[in-house]
C-alpha atoms as a PDB file:
ATOM      1  CA  UNK A   1     -25.577   8.489 -37.276  1.00  0.00           C
ATOM      2  CA  UNK A   2     -28.936   8.230 -39.092  1.00  0.00           C
ATOM      3  CA  UNK A   3     -30.087   5.254 -41.158  1.00  0.00           C
ATOM      4  CA  UNK A   4     -33.544   5.103 -42.817  1.00  0.00           C
ATOM      5  CA  UNK A   5     -34.687   7.921 -40.544  1.00  0.00           C
ATOM      6  CA  UNK A   6     -33.664   6.104 -37.341  1.00  0.00           C
ATOM      7  CA  UNK A   7     -30.819   6.707 -34.916  1.00  0.00           C
ATOM      8  CA  UNK A   8     -28.207   3.969 -35.136  1.00  0.00           C
ATOM      9  CA  UNK A   9     -26.142   3.383 -31.990  1.00  0.00           C
ATOM     10  CA  UNK A  10     -22.573   2.350 -32.669  1.00  0.00           C
ATOM     11  CA  UNK A  11     -21.302  -0.961 -31.146  1.00  0.00           C
ATOM     12  CA  UNK A  12     -18.976   1.075 -28.914  1.00  0.00           C
ATOM     13  CA  UNK A  13     -21.836   3.065 -27.396  1.00  0.00           C
ATOM     14  CA  UNK A  14     -24.073   0.027 -27.208  1.00  0.00           C
ATOM     15  CA  UNK A  15     -21.588  -1.878 -25.046  1.00  0.00           C
ATOM     16  CA  UNK A  16     -22.732  -2.000 -21.446  1.00  0.00           C
ATOM     17  CA  UNK A  17     -20.313  -0.689 -18.837  1.00  0.00           C
ATOM     18  CA  UNK A  18     -18.649  -3.516 -16.912  1.00  0.00           C
ATOM     19  CA  UNK A  19     -18.973  -3.087 -13.145  1.00  0.00           C
ATOM     20  CA  UNK A  20     -16.392  -4.946 -11.062  1.00  0.00           C
ATOM     21  CA  UNK A  21     -16.743  -5.906  -7.382  1.00  0.00           C
ATOM     22  CA  UNK A  22     -13.939  -6.956  -5.054  1.00  0.00           C
ATOM     23  CA  UNK A  23     -13.848  -7.163  -1.272  1.00  0.00           C
ATOM     24  CA  UNK A  24     -11.499  -7.622   1.663  1.00  0.00           C
ATOM     25  CA  UNK A  25     -10.305  -6.168   4.978  1.00  0.00           C
ATOM     26  CA  UNK A  26      -7.897  -3.620   3.465  1.00  0.00           C
ATOM     27  CA  UNK A  27      -6.375  -3.058   6.888  1.00  0.00           C
ATOM     28  CA  UNK A  28      -3.446  -0.606   6.747  1.00  0.00           C
ATOM     29  CA  UNK A  29      -3.723  -0.446   2.958  1.00  0.00           C
ATOM     30  CA  UNK A  30      -0.367  -1.210   1.316  1.00  0.00           C
ATOM     31  CA  UNK A  31       0.939  -1.807  -2.197  1.00  0.00           C
ATOM     32  CA  UNK A  32      -0.371  -5.389  -2.207  1.00  0.00           C
ATOM     33  CA  UNK A  33      -3.900  -4.039  -1.820  1.00  0.00           C
ATOM     34  CA  UNK A  34      -3.225  -1.300  -4.361  1.00  0.00           C
ATOM     35  CA  UNK A  35      -2.038  -3.818  -6.930  1.00  0.00           C
ATOM     36  CA  UNK A  36      -5.150  -5.934  -6.418  1.00  0.00           C
ATOM     37  CA  UNK A  37      -7.371  -2.900  -6.988  1.00  0.00           C
ATOM     38  CA  UNK A  38      -5.319  -1.921 -10.037  1.00  0.00           C
ATOM     39  CA  UNK A  39      -5.800  -5.352 -11.564  1.00  0.00           C
ATOM     40  CA  UNK A  40      -9.496  -5.411 -10.676  1.00  0.00           C
ATOM     41  CA  UNK A  41     -10.095  -2.002 -12.240  1.00  0.00           C
ATOM     42  CA  UNK A  42      -8.423  -3.179 -15.455  1.00  0.00           C
ATOM     43  CA  UNK A  43     -11.073  -5.905 -15.755  1.00  0.00           C
ATOM     44  CA  UNK A  44     -13.911  -3.430 -16.266  1.00  0.00           C
ATOM     45  CA  UNK A  45     -15.070   0.170 -16.324  1.00  0.00           C
ATOM     46  CA  UNK A  46     -16.314   0.817 -12.792  1.00  0.00           C
ATOM     47  CA  UNK A  47     -14.812  -0.654  -9.625  1.00  0.00           C
ATOM     48  CA  UNK A  48     -16.783  -1.142  -6.393  1.00  0.00           C
ATOM     49  CA  UNK A  49     -14.837  -2.196  -3.281  1.00  0.00           C
ATOM     50  CA  UNK A  50     -16.444  -3.908  -0.298  1.00  0.00           C
ATOM     51  CA  UNK A  51     -14.675  -3.516   3.058  1.00  0.00           C
ATOM     52  CA  UNK A  52     -15.438  -6.105   5.738  1.00  0.00           C
ATOM     53  CA  UNK A  53     -13.969  -7.325   9.008  1.00  0.00           C
ATOM     54  CA  UNK A  54     -10.766  -9.327   8.848  1.00  0.00           C
ATOM     55  CA  UNK A  55     -12.530 -12.348  10.371  1.00  0.00           C
ATOM     56  CA  UNK A  56     -14.149 -12.950   7.006  1.00  0.00           C
ATOM     57  CA  UNK A  57     -12.275 -15.288   4.698  1.00  0.00           C
ATOM     58  CA  UNK A  58     -13.190 -16.861   1.390  1.00  0.00           C
ATOM     59  CA  UNK A  59     -14.257 -20.206   2.882  1.00  0.00           C
ATOM     60  CA  UNK A  60     -16.677 -21.014   5.663  1.00  0.00           C
ATOM     61  CA  UNK A  61     -15.785 -23.361   8.513  1.00  0.00           C
ATOM     62  CA  UNK A  62     -17.453 -26.275   6.692  1.00  0.00           C
ATOM     63  CA  UNK A  63     -15.261 -25.628   3.655  1.00  0.00           C
ATOM     64  CA  UNK A  64     -17.917 -23.979   1.494  1.00  0.00           C
ATOM     65  CA  UNK A  65     -16.619 -21.370  -0.942  1.00  0.00           C
ATOM     66  CA  UNK A  66     -18.302 -18.028  -0.187  1.00  0.00           C
ATOM     67  CA  UNK A  67     -17.920 -17.113  -3.873  1.00  0.00           C
ATOM     68  CA  UNK A  68     -19.605 -20.342  -5.018  1.00  0.00           C
ATOM     69  CA  UNK A  69     -22.673 -18.691  -6.560  1.00  0.00           C
ATOM     70  CA  UNK A  70     -20.599 -16.102  -8.375  1.00  0.00           C
ATOM     71  CA  UNK A  71     -18.356 -18.800  -9.814  1.00  0.00           C
ATOM     72  CA  UNK A  72     -21.352 -20.858 -10.873  1.00  0.00           C
ATOM     73  CA  UNK A  73     -22.704 -17.882 -12.834  1.00  0.00           C
ATOM     74  CA  UNK A  74     -19.361 -17.448 -14.606  1.00  0.00           C
ATOM     75  CA  UNK A  75     -18.688 -13.990 -13.195  1.00  0.00           C
ATOM     76  CA  UNK A  76     -15.720 -14.795 -10.935  1.00  0.00           C
ATOM     77  CA  UNK A  77     -12.193 -13.617 -11.741  1.00  0.00           C
ATOM     78  CA  UNK A  78      -9.017 -13.691  -9.653  1.00  0.00           C
ATOM     79  CA  UNK A  79      -6.276 -11.071  -9.422  1.00  0.00           C
ATOM     80  CA  UNK A  80      -2.734 -12.350  -9.234  1.00  0.00           C
ATOM     81  CA  UNK A  81      -1.438 -12.011  -5.670  1.00  0.00           C
ATOM     82  CA  UNK A  82       1.350  -9.477  -5.139  1.00  0.00           C
ATOM     83  CA  UNK A  83       4.295 -11.125  -3.430  1.00  0.00           C
ATOM     84  CA  UNK A  84       5.325  -8.805  -0.630  1.00  0.00           C
ATOM     85  CA  UNK A  85       4.477  -7.470   2.789  1.00  0.00           C
ATOM     86  CA  UNK A  86       1.303  -8.503   4.597  1.00  0.00           C
ATOM     87  CA  UNK A  87      -0.702  -6.565   7.185  1.00  0.00           C
ATOM     88  CA  UNK A  88       0.221  -9.243   9.727  1.00  0.00           C
ATOM     89  CA  UNK A  89       3.901  -8.648   8.943  1.00  0.00           C
ATOM     90  CA  UNK A  90       3.548  -4.885   9.447  1.00  0.00           C
ATOM     91  CA  UNK A  91       1.876  -5.359  12.825  1.00  0.00           C
ATOM     92  CA  UNK A  92       4.671  -7.719  13.822  1.00  0.00           C
ATOM     93  CA  UNK A  93       7.317  -5.132  12.947  1.00  0.00           C
ATOM     94  CA  UNK A  94       5.619  -2.518  15.123  1.00  0.00           C
ATOM     95  CA  UNK A  95       5.368  -4.831  18.107  1.00  0.00           C
ATOM     96  CA  UNK A  96       8.858  -6.281  17.817  1.00  0.00           C
ATOM     97  CA  UNK A  97      10.482  -2.833  17.650  1.00  0.00           C
ATOM     98  CA  UNK A  98      13.650  -3.942  15.845  1.00  0.00           C
ATOM     99  CA  UNK A  99      15.304  -2.607  12.709  1.00  0.00           C
ATOM    100  CA  UNK A 100      15.797  -5.983  11.067  1.00  0.00           C
ATOM    101  CA  UNK A 101      13.267  -5.283   8.319  1.00  0.00           C
ATOM    102  CA  UNK A 102      15.298  -2.303   7.085  1.00  0.00           C
ATOM    103  CA  UNK A 103      17.938  -4.388   5.395  1.00  0.00           C
ATOM    104  CA  UNK A 104      18.143  -7.976   6.687  1.00  0.00           C
ATOM    105  CA  UNK A 105      14.897  -9.922   6.795  1.00  0.00           C
ATOM    106  CA  UNK A 106      16.864 -13.010   7.823  1.00  0.00           C
ATOM    107  CA  UNK A 107      17.642 -11.662  11.281  1.00  0.00           C
ATOM    108  CA  UNK A 108      17.193 -14.368  13.909  1.00  0.00           C
ATOM    109  CA  UNK A 109      15.315 -12.004  16.250  1.00  0.00           C
ATOM    110  CA  UNK A 110      12.935 -10.921  13.528  1.00  0.00           C
ATOM    111  CA  UNK A 111      12.405 -14.440  12.212  1.00  0.00           C
ATOM    112  CA  UNK A 112      11.711 -15.738  15.721  1.00  0.00           C
ATOM    113  CA  UNK A 113       8.932 -13.172  16.109  1.00  0.00           C
ATOM    114  CA  UNK A 114       7.380 -13.660  12.692  1.00  0.00           C
ATOM    115  CA  UNK A 115       7.357 -17.411  13.204  1.00  0.00           C
ATOM    116  CA  UNK A 116       5.259 -16.960  16.346  1.00  0.00           C
ATOM    117  CA  UNK A 117       3.188 -13.874  15.617  1.00  0.00           C
ATOM    118  CA  UNK A 118      -0.428 -14.717  14.784  1.00  0.00           C
ATOM    119  CA  UNK A 119       0.179 -18.436  15.047  1.00  0.00           C
ATOM    120  CA  UNK A 120      -2.345 -20.524  16.899  1.00  0.00           C
ATOM    121  CA  UNK A 121      -1.364 -23.330  19.247  1.00  0.00           C
ATOM    122  CA  UNK A 122      -2.241 -26.077  16.749  1.00  0.00           C
ATOM    123  CA  UNK A 123      -0.530 -25.555  13.447  1.00  0.00           C
ATOM    124  CA  UNK A 124       0.261 -22.740  11.057  1.00  0.00           C
ATOM    125  CA  UNK A 125      -1.957 -21.430   8.275  1.00  0.00           C
ATOM    126  CA  UNK A 126      -0.281 -20.571   4.952  1.00  0.00           C
ATOM    127  CA  UNK A 127      -2.705 -17.638   4.564  1.00  0.00           C
ATOM    128  CA  UNK A 128      -1.796 -15.754   7.752  1.00  0.00           C
ATOM    129  CA  UNK A 129       1.892 -15.878   6.998  1.00  0.00           C
ATOM    130  CA  UNK A 130       4.716 -13.425   6.511  1.00  0.00           C
ATOM    131  CA  UNK A 131       5.729 -12.997   2.902  1.00  0.00           C
ATOM    132  CA  UNK A 132       9.236 -11.974   1.936  1.00  0.00           C
ATOM    133  CA  UNK A 133       9.644  -8.992  -0.381  1.00  0.00           C
ATOM    134  CA  UNK A 134      12.011  -8.839  -3.325  1.00  0.00           C
ATOM    135  CA  UNK A 135      11.945  -5.660  -5.396  1.00  0.00           C
ATOM    136  CA  UNK A 136      11.993  -6.021  -9.172  1.00  0.00           C
ATOM    137  CA  UNK A 137      11.867  -3.543 -12.047  1.00  0.00           C
ATOM    138  CA  UNK A 138       8.622  -5.154 -13.197  1.00  0.00           C
ATOM    139  CA  UNK A 139       6.929  -4.332  -9.894  1.00  0.00           C
ATOM    140  CA  UNK A 140       7.918  -0.681 -10.254  1.00  0.00           C
ATOM    141  CA  UNK A 141       6.696  -0.582 -13.864  1.00  0.00           C
ATOM    142  CA  UNK A 142       3.318  -1.960 -12.800  1.00  0.00           C
ATOM    143  CA  UNK A 143       2.828   0.904 -10.357  1.00  0.00           C
ATOM    144  CA  UNK A 144       4.517   3.790 -12.188  1.00  0.00           C
ATOM    145  CA  UNK A 145       2.559   6.079 -14.511  1.00  0.00           C
ATOM    146  CA  UNK A 146       5.505   6.460 -16.874  1.00  0.00           C
ATOM    147  CA  UNK A 147       4.423  10.014 -17.708  1.00  0.00           C
ATOM    148  CA  UNK A 148       7.002  12.763 -18.074  1.00  0.00           C
ATOM    149  CA  UNK A 149       6.387  16.443 -17.294  1.00  0.00           C
ATOM    150  CA  UNK A 150       4.598  18.274 -20.095  1.00  0.00           C
ATOM    151  CA  UNK A 151       4.928  21.942 -21.122  1.00  0.00           C
ATOM    152  CA  UNK A 152       2.896  24.066 -18.734  1.00  0.00           C
ATOM    153  CA  UNK A 153       3.076  21.559 -15.856  1.00  0.00           C
ATOM    154  CA  UNK A 154       3.903  22.880 -12.393  1.00  0.00           C
ATOM    155  CA  UNK A 155       6.586  20.597 -10.998  1.00  0.00           C
ATOM    156  CA  UNK A 156       6.071  20.194  -7.257  1.00  0.00           C
ATOM    157  CA  UNK A 157       8.573  18.420  -5.026  1.00  0.00           C
ATOM    158  CA  UNK A 158       7.781  16.906  -1.627  1.00  0.00           C
ATOM    159  CA  UNK A 159      10.023  14.692   0.489  1.00  0.00           C
ATOM    160  CA  UNK A 160       9.717  12.444   3.497  1.00  0.00           C
ATOM    161  CA  UNK A 161       9.389   8.899   4.771  1.00  0.00           C
ATOM    162  CA  UNK A 162       5.740   8.314   3.768  1.00  0.00           C
ATOM    163  CA  UNK A 163       5.841   5.302   6.058  1.00  0.00           C
ATOM    164  CA  UNK A 164       2.761   3.048   6.337  1.00  0.00           C
ATOM    165  CA  UNK A 165       1.281   5.129   3.510  1.00  0.00           C
ATOM    166  CA  UNK A 166      -2.113   6.174   4.874  1.00  0.00           C
ATOM    167  CA  UNK A 167      -5.021   8.571   4.331  1.00  0.00           C
ATOM    168  CA  UNK A 168      -3.094  11.401   6.001  1.00  0.00           C
ATOM    169  CA  UNK A 169      -0.450  11.108   3.276  1.00  0.00           C
ATOM    170  CA  UNK A 170      -3.099  10.857   0.560  1.00  0.00           C
ATOM    171  CA  UNK A 171      -4.887  13.987   1.792  1.00  0.00           C
ATOM    172  CA  UNK A 172      -1.566  15.866   1.897  1.00  0.00           C
ATOM    173  CA  UNK A 173      -0.678  14.872  -1.675  1.00  0.00           C
ATOM    174  CA  UNK A 174      -4.206  15.734  -2.778  1.00  0.00           C
ATOM    175  CA  UNK A 175      -3.844  19.217  -1.241  1.00  0.00           C
ATOM    176  CA  UNK A 176      -0.434  19.619  -2.897  1.00  0.00           C
ATOM    177  CA  UNK A 177      -1.809  18.650  -6.309  1.00  0.00           C
ATOM    178  CA  UNK A 178      -4.514  21.302  -5.986  1.00  0.00           C
ATOM    179  CA  UNK A 179      -1.904  24.070  -5.902  1.00  0.00           C
ATOM    180  CA  UNK A 180      -1.809  23.970  -9.688  1.00  0.00           C
ATOM    181  CA  UNK A 181      -4.141  23.279 -12.600  1.00  0.00           C
ATOM    182  CA  UNK A 182      -1.474  21.030 -14.143  1.00  0.00           C
ATOM    183  CA  UNK A 183       0.535  19.547 -11.247  1.00  0.00           C
ATOM    184  CA  UNK A 184       3.407  17.116 -11.681  1.00  0.00           C
ATOM    185  CA  UNK A 185       4.137  15.870  -8.176  1.00  0.00           C
ATOM    186  CA  UNK A 186       7.521  14.324  -7.429  1.00  0.00           C
ATOM    187  CA  UNK A 187       7.930  12.523  -4.093  1.00  0.00           C
ATOM    188  CA  UNK A 188      11.426  12.145  -2.673  1.00  0.00           C
ATOM    189  CA  UNK A 189      11.673   9.101  -0.405  1.00  0.00           C
ATOM    190  CA  UNK A 190      14.461   8.989   2.177  1.00  0.00           C
ATOM    191  CA  UNK A 191      16.480   5.815   2.670  1.00  0.00           C
ATOM    192  CA  UNK A 192      15.712   3.681   5.731  1.00  0.00           C
ATOM    193  CA  UNK A 193      18.850   4.743   7.587  1.00  0.00           C
ATOM    194  CA  UNK A 194      18.038   8.421   7.083  1.00  0.00           C
ATOM    195  CA  UNK A 195      14.461   7.976   8.285  1.00  0.00           C
ATOM    196  CA  UNK A 196      15.711   6.124  11.343  1.00  0.00           C
ATOM    197  CA  UNK A 197      18.163   8.949  12.071  1.00  0.00           C
ATOM    198  CA  UNK A 198      15.462  11.593  12.416  1.00  0.00           C
ATOM    199  CA  UNK A 199      12.497   9.434  13.507  1.00  0.00           C
ATOM    200  CA  UNK A 200      14.308   7.028  15.850  1.00  0.00           C
ATOM    201  CA  UNK A 201      12.926   3.814  17.394  1.00  0.00           C
ATOM    202  CA  UNK A 202      12.538   1.199  14.660  1.00  0.00           C
ATOM    203  CA  UNK A 203      11.220   3.537  11.981  1.00  0.00           C
ATOM    204  CA  UNK A 204      10.562   3.198   9.133  1.00  0.00           C
ATOM    205  CA  UNK A 205       8.112   0.310   9.526  1.00  0.00           C
ATOM    206  CA  UNK A 206       8.160  -0.237   5.756  1.00  0.00           C
ATOM    207  CA  UNK A 207      11.499  -0.311   3.979  1.00  0.00           C
ATOM    208  CA  UNK A 208      12.430   1.840   1.000  1.00  0.00           C
ATOM    209  CA  UNK A 209      11.293  -0.718  -1.597  1.00  0.00           C
ATOM    210  CA  UNK A 210       7.885  -1.157   0.004  1.00  0.00           C
ATOM    211  CA  UNK A 211       7.396   2.582   0.487  1.00  0.00           C
ATOM    212  CA  UNK A 212       8.253   3.203  -3.167  1.00  0.00           C
ATOM    213  CA  UNK A 213       5.416   1.014  -4.445  1.00  0.00           C
ATOM    214  CA  UNK A 214       2.954   2.355  -1.876  1.00  0.00           C
ATOM    215  CA  UNK A 215       3.605   5.959  -2.939  1.00  0.00           C
ATOM    216  CA  UNK A 216       3.633   5.154  -6.656  1.00  0.00           C
ATOM    217  CA  UNK A 217       0.155   3.662  -6.266  1.00  0.00           C
ATOM    218  CA  UNK A 218      -1.237   7.091  -5.317  1.00  0.00           C
ATOM    219  CA  UNK A 219      -3.065   8.875  -8.147  1.00  0.00           C
ATOM    220  CA  UNK A 220      -1.625  12.267  -7.164  1.00  0.00           C
ATOM    221  CA  UNK A 221       1.999  11.119  -7.560  1.00  0.00           C
ATOM    222  CA  UNK A 222       3.743  11.477 -10.916  1.00  0.00           C
ATOM    223  CA  UNK A 223       7.248  10.342 -10.008  1.00  0.00           C
ATOM    224  CA  UNK A 224       9.272   9.017  -7.064  1.00  0.00           C
ATOM    225  CA  UNK A 225      12.911   9.696  -6.223  1.00  0.00           C
ATOM    226  CA  UNK A 226      14.151   6.554  -4.479  1.00  0.00           C
ATOM    227  CA  UNK A 227      16.653   7.492  -1.789  1.00  0.00           C
ATOM    228  CA  UNK A 228      16.323  11.270  -2.071  1.00  0.00           C
ATOM    229  CA  UNK A 229      18.846  13.429  -0.194  1.00  0.00           C
ATOM    230  CA  UNK A 230      17.526  14.754   3.108  1.00  0.00           C
ATOM    231  CA  UNK A 231      18.441  18.353   2.305  1.00  0.00           C
ATOM    232  CA  UNK A 232      16.618  19.834  -0.693  1.00  0.00           C
ATOM    233  CA  UNK A 233      19.610  21.110  -2.629  1.00  0.00           C
ATOM    234  CA  UNK A 234      19.964  23.538  -5.533  1.00  0.00           C
ATOM    235  CA  UNK A 235      21.245  20.686  -7.708  1.00  0.00           C
ATOM    236  CA  UNK A 236      18.107  18.640  -7.002  1.00  0.00           C
ATOM    237  CA  UNK A 237      15.814  21.574  -7.780  1.00  0.00           C
ATOM    238  CA  UNK A 238      17.656  22.326 -11.026  1.00  0.00           C
ATOM    239  CA  UNK A 239      17.765  18.672 -12.088  1.00  0.00           C
ATOM    240  CA  UNK A 240      14.000  18.216 -11.811  1.00  0.00           C
ATOM    241  CA  UNK A 241      13.192  21.830 -12.803  1.00  0.00           C
ATOM    242  CA  UNK A 242      11.142  22.209  -9.615  1.00  0.00           C
ATOM    243  CA  UNK A 243       8.690  25.113  -9.383  1.00  0.00           C
ATOM    244  CA  UNK A 244       7.418  24.526  -5.835  1.00  0.00           C
ATOM    245  CA  UNK A 245       8.633  22.623  -2.766  1.00  0.00           C
ATOM    246  CA  UNK A 246       5.971  21.615  -0.255  1.00  0.00           C
ATOM    247  CA  UNK A 247       5.987  20.333   3.302  1.00  0.00           C
ATOM    248  CA  UNK A 248       3.153  19.428   5.631  1.00  0.00           C
ATOM    249  CA  UNK A 249       2.492  20.982   9.019  1.00  0.00           C
ATOM    250  CA  UNK A 250       4.488  18.251  10.729  1.00  0.00           C
ATOM    251  CA  UNK A 251       7.820  18.878  12.430  1.00  0.00           C
ATOM    252  CA  UNK A 252      10.854  19.541  10.232  1.00  0.00           C
ATOM    253  CA  UNK A 253      13.880  17.701  11.653  1.00  0.00           C
ATOM    254  CA  UNK A 254      17.304  19.283  11.218  1.00  0.00           C
ATOM    255  CA  UNK A 255      19.949  17.733   8.990  1.00  0.00           C
ATOM    256  CA  UNK A 256      22.944  15.845  10.403  1.00  0.00           C
ATOM    257  CA  UNK A 257      24.972  19.053  10.682  1.00  0.00           C
ATOM    258  CA  UNK A 258      22.130  20.884  12.410  1.00  0.00           C
ATOM    259  CA  UNK A 259      21.138  22.869   9.323  1.00  0.00           C
ATOM    260  CA  UNK A 260      17.643  23.477   7.899  1.00  0.00           C
ATOM    261  CA  UNK A 261      17.024  20.903   5.103  1.00  0.00           C
ATOM    262  CA  UNK A 262      14.691  23.392   3.388  1.00  0.00           C
ATOM    263  CA  UNK A 263      17.052  26.370   3.560  1.00  0.00           C
ATOM    264  CA  UNK A 264      17.558  26.558  -0.230  1.00  0.00           C
ATOM    265  CA  UNK A 265      13.907  26.519  -1.368  1.00  0.00           C
ATOM    266  CA  UNK A 266      13.031  28.791   1.564  1.00  0.00           C
ATOM    267  CA  UNK A 267      15.603  31.363   0.384  1.00  0.00           C
ATOM    268  CA  UNK A 268      14.339  31.020  -3.214  1.00  0.00           C
ATOM    269  CA  UNK A 269      10.784  31.755  -2.071  1.00  0.00           C
ATOM    270  CA  UNK A 270       9.351  28.503  -3.481  1.00  0.00           C
ATOM    271  CA  UNK A 271       8.675  26.677  -0.199  1.00  0.00           C
ATOM    272  CA  UNK A 272       5.021  26.175   0.757  1.00  0.00           C
ATOM    273  CA  UNK A 273       3.552  24.744   3.966  1.00  0.00           C
ATOM    274  CA  UNK A 274       0.450  22.734   3.090  1.00  0.00           C
ATOM    275  CA  UNK A 275      -2.324  21.854   5.511  1.00  0.00           C
ATOM    276  CA  UNK A 276      -3.852  18.494   4.565  1.00  0.00           C
ATOM    277  CA  UNK A 277      -6.744  18.906   6.970  1.00  0.00           C
ATOM    278  CA  UNK A 278      -5.962  15.422   8.300  1.00  0.00           C
ATOM    279  CA  UNK A 279      -4.190  14.897  11.641  1.00  0.00           C
ATOM    280  CA  UNK A 280      -3.494  11.172  11.184  1.00  0.00           C
ATOM    281  CA  UNK A 281       0.203  10.286  11.345  1.00  0.00           C
ATOM    282  CA  UNK A 282       2.252   7.108  11.164  1.00  0.00           C
ATOM    283  CA  UNK A 283       2.995   7.533  14.879  1.00  0.00           C
ATOM    284  CA  UNK A 284      -0.763   7.503  15.620  1.00  0.00           C
ATOM    285  CA  UNK A 285      -1.180   4.169  13.832  1.00  0.00           C
ATOM    286  CA  UNK A 286       1.815   2.578  15.547  1.00  0.00           C
ATOM    287  CA  UNK A 287       0.582   3.715  18.966  1.00  0.00           C
ATOM    288  CA  UNK A 288      -2.825   2.156  18.279  1.00  0.00           C
ATOM    289  CA  UNK A 289      -1.149  -1.165  17.526  1.00  0.00           C
ATOM    290  CA  UNK A 290       1.123  -1.090  20.567  1.00  0.00           C
ATOM    291  CA  UNK A 291      -1.693  -0.013  22.881  1.00  0.00           C
ATOM    292  CA  UNK A 292      -3.864  -2.875  21.683  1.00  0.00           C
ATOM    293  CA  UNK A 293      -1.127  -5.479  21.340  1.00  0.00           C
ATOM    294  CA  UNK A 294      -3.021  -8.251  23.093  1.00  0.00           C
ATOM    295  CA  UNK A 295      -6.118  -7.585  21.005  1.00  0.00           C
ATOM    296  CA  UNK A 296      -4.134  -7.761  17.763  1.00  0.00           C
ATOM    297  CA  UNK A 297      -2.386 -10.979  18.760  1.00  0.00           C
ATOM    298  CA  UNK A 298      -5.715 -12.508  19.807  1.00  0.00           C
ATOM    299  CA  UNK A 299      -7.238 -11.396  16.509  1.00  0.00           C
ATOM    300  CA  UNK A 300      -4.497 -13.089  14.503  1.00  0.00           C
ATOM    301  CA  UNK A 301      -4.712 -16.274  16.553  1.00  0.00           C
ATOM    302  CA  UNK A 302      -8.497 -16.372  16.065  1.00  0.00           C
ATOM    303  CA  UNK A 303      -8.049 -15.880  12.335  1.00  0.00           C
ATOM    304  CA  UNK A 304      -5.376 -18.577  12.294  1.00  0.00           C
ATOM    305  CA  UNK A 305      -7.641 -21.055  14.082  1.00  0.00           C
ATOM    306  CA  UNK A 306     -10.474 -20.398  11.624  1.00  0.00           C
ATOM    307  CA  UNK A 307      -8.211 -20.877   8.636  1.00  0.00           C
ATOM    308  CA  UNK A 308      -6.839 -24.133  10.056  1.00  0.00           C
ATOM    309  CA  UNK A 309     -10.417 -25.391  10.518  1.00  0.00           C
ATOM    310  CA  UNK A 310     -11.149 -24.582   6.870  1.00  0.00           C
ATOM    311  CA  UNK A 311      -8.008 -26.358   5.676  1.00  0.00           C
ATOM    312  CA  UNK A 312      -8.953 -29.431   7.718  1.00  0.00           C
ATOM    313  CA  UNK A 313     -12.458 -29.388   6.243  1.00  0.00           C
ATOM    314  CA  UNK A 314     -11.046 -29.146   2.719  1.00  0.00           C
ATOM    315  CA  UNK A 315      -8.725 -32.101   3.345  1.00  0.00           C
ATOM    316  CA  UNK A 316     -11.615 -34.140   4.695  1.00  0.00           C
ATOM    317  CA  UNK A 317     -13.728 -33.355   1.616  1.00  0.00           C
ATOM    318  CA  UNK A 318     -10.858 -34.413  -0.661  1.00  0.00           C
ATOM    319  CA  UNK A 319     -10.487 -37.690   1.236  1.00  0.00           C
ATOM    320  CA  UNK A 320     -14.217 -38.367   0.999  1.00  0.00           C
ATOM    321  CA  UNK A 321     -14.210 -37.708  -2.761  1.00  0.00           C
ATOM    322  CA  UNK A 322     -11.205 -40.006  -3.179  1.00  0.00           C
ATOM    323  CA  UNK A 323     -12.998 -42.761  -1.245  1.00  0.00           C
ATOM    324  CA  UNK A 324     -16.118 -42.309  -3.372  1.00  0.00           C
ATOM    325  CA  UNK A 325     -14.081 -42.822  -6.549  1.00  0.00           C
ATOM    326  CA  UNK A 326     -12.662 -46.071  -5.173  1.00  0.00           C
END
């Protein structure tokens, strides 16, 4: 727009882009992390994420807030914490090797382990704790895109456990989405009991509710089928009007009756094997944890001790302030 021979910049264009910073360990990124990043991104235009070691916490041993200067300048904001699984909880599930987390979090065996895991010898920090997960429709709405397939979209269906949703899964879904200019990717998630049937041990590490939110948080996913049938049937393909069915280069386990779960799309000529270019699997992550069990337990105990020292310092400061008032 021109005014008196000069360019006039509109208020919209004149507004400076808001850059947002958030930081953390982001170890075994799960839906709690994803929700924090979602909320942080909504606070501005450009999100920068700092990744540090998990020894770092938001208070120093003497009780000083590491965000003190940011708060003083009026540039500090907090994201509401997502009630749900913690990284410490996930590690505990891998080491305990039980199935209690699939359906009954109140199991005495599981509770005994979570009460002790990561706990130092002198007290228990509320920050390195195990949070209980309760699925709600609101949580799903927060993560879901809510977008329906549009004319011209290629509807692609993939199915699996997508347990401990990691970069290997992300790279696979990215590769799948690149099969079309307008992809609409539907992920079918198998129920816990089905995953345990073909994976064994205590898989899945994350239950169906937790896996749903983790997958929904991925930018390449348009929709999730919660509790999808193991066999990809004609009814399922017709219901979702599926154009392509994709599977990674991982092993395909047979169905309960010994049949090929991909027999129908294979016969229809719409089955594609997709190479993600990433060899990381959930098994790889679990084996790392088990192999380094003592290191992980020592790490959590060290973190616990540091947090307890901070809490003690905070209490002492409060007492000193109270005395000063008197």
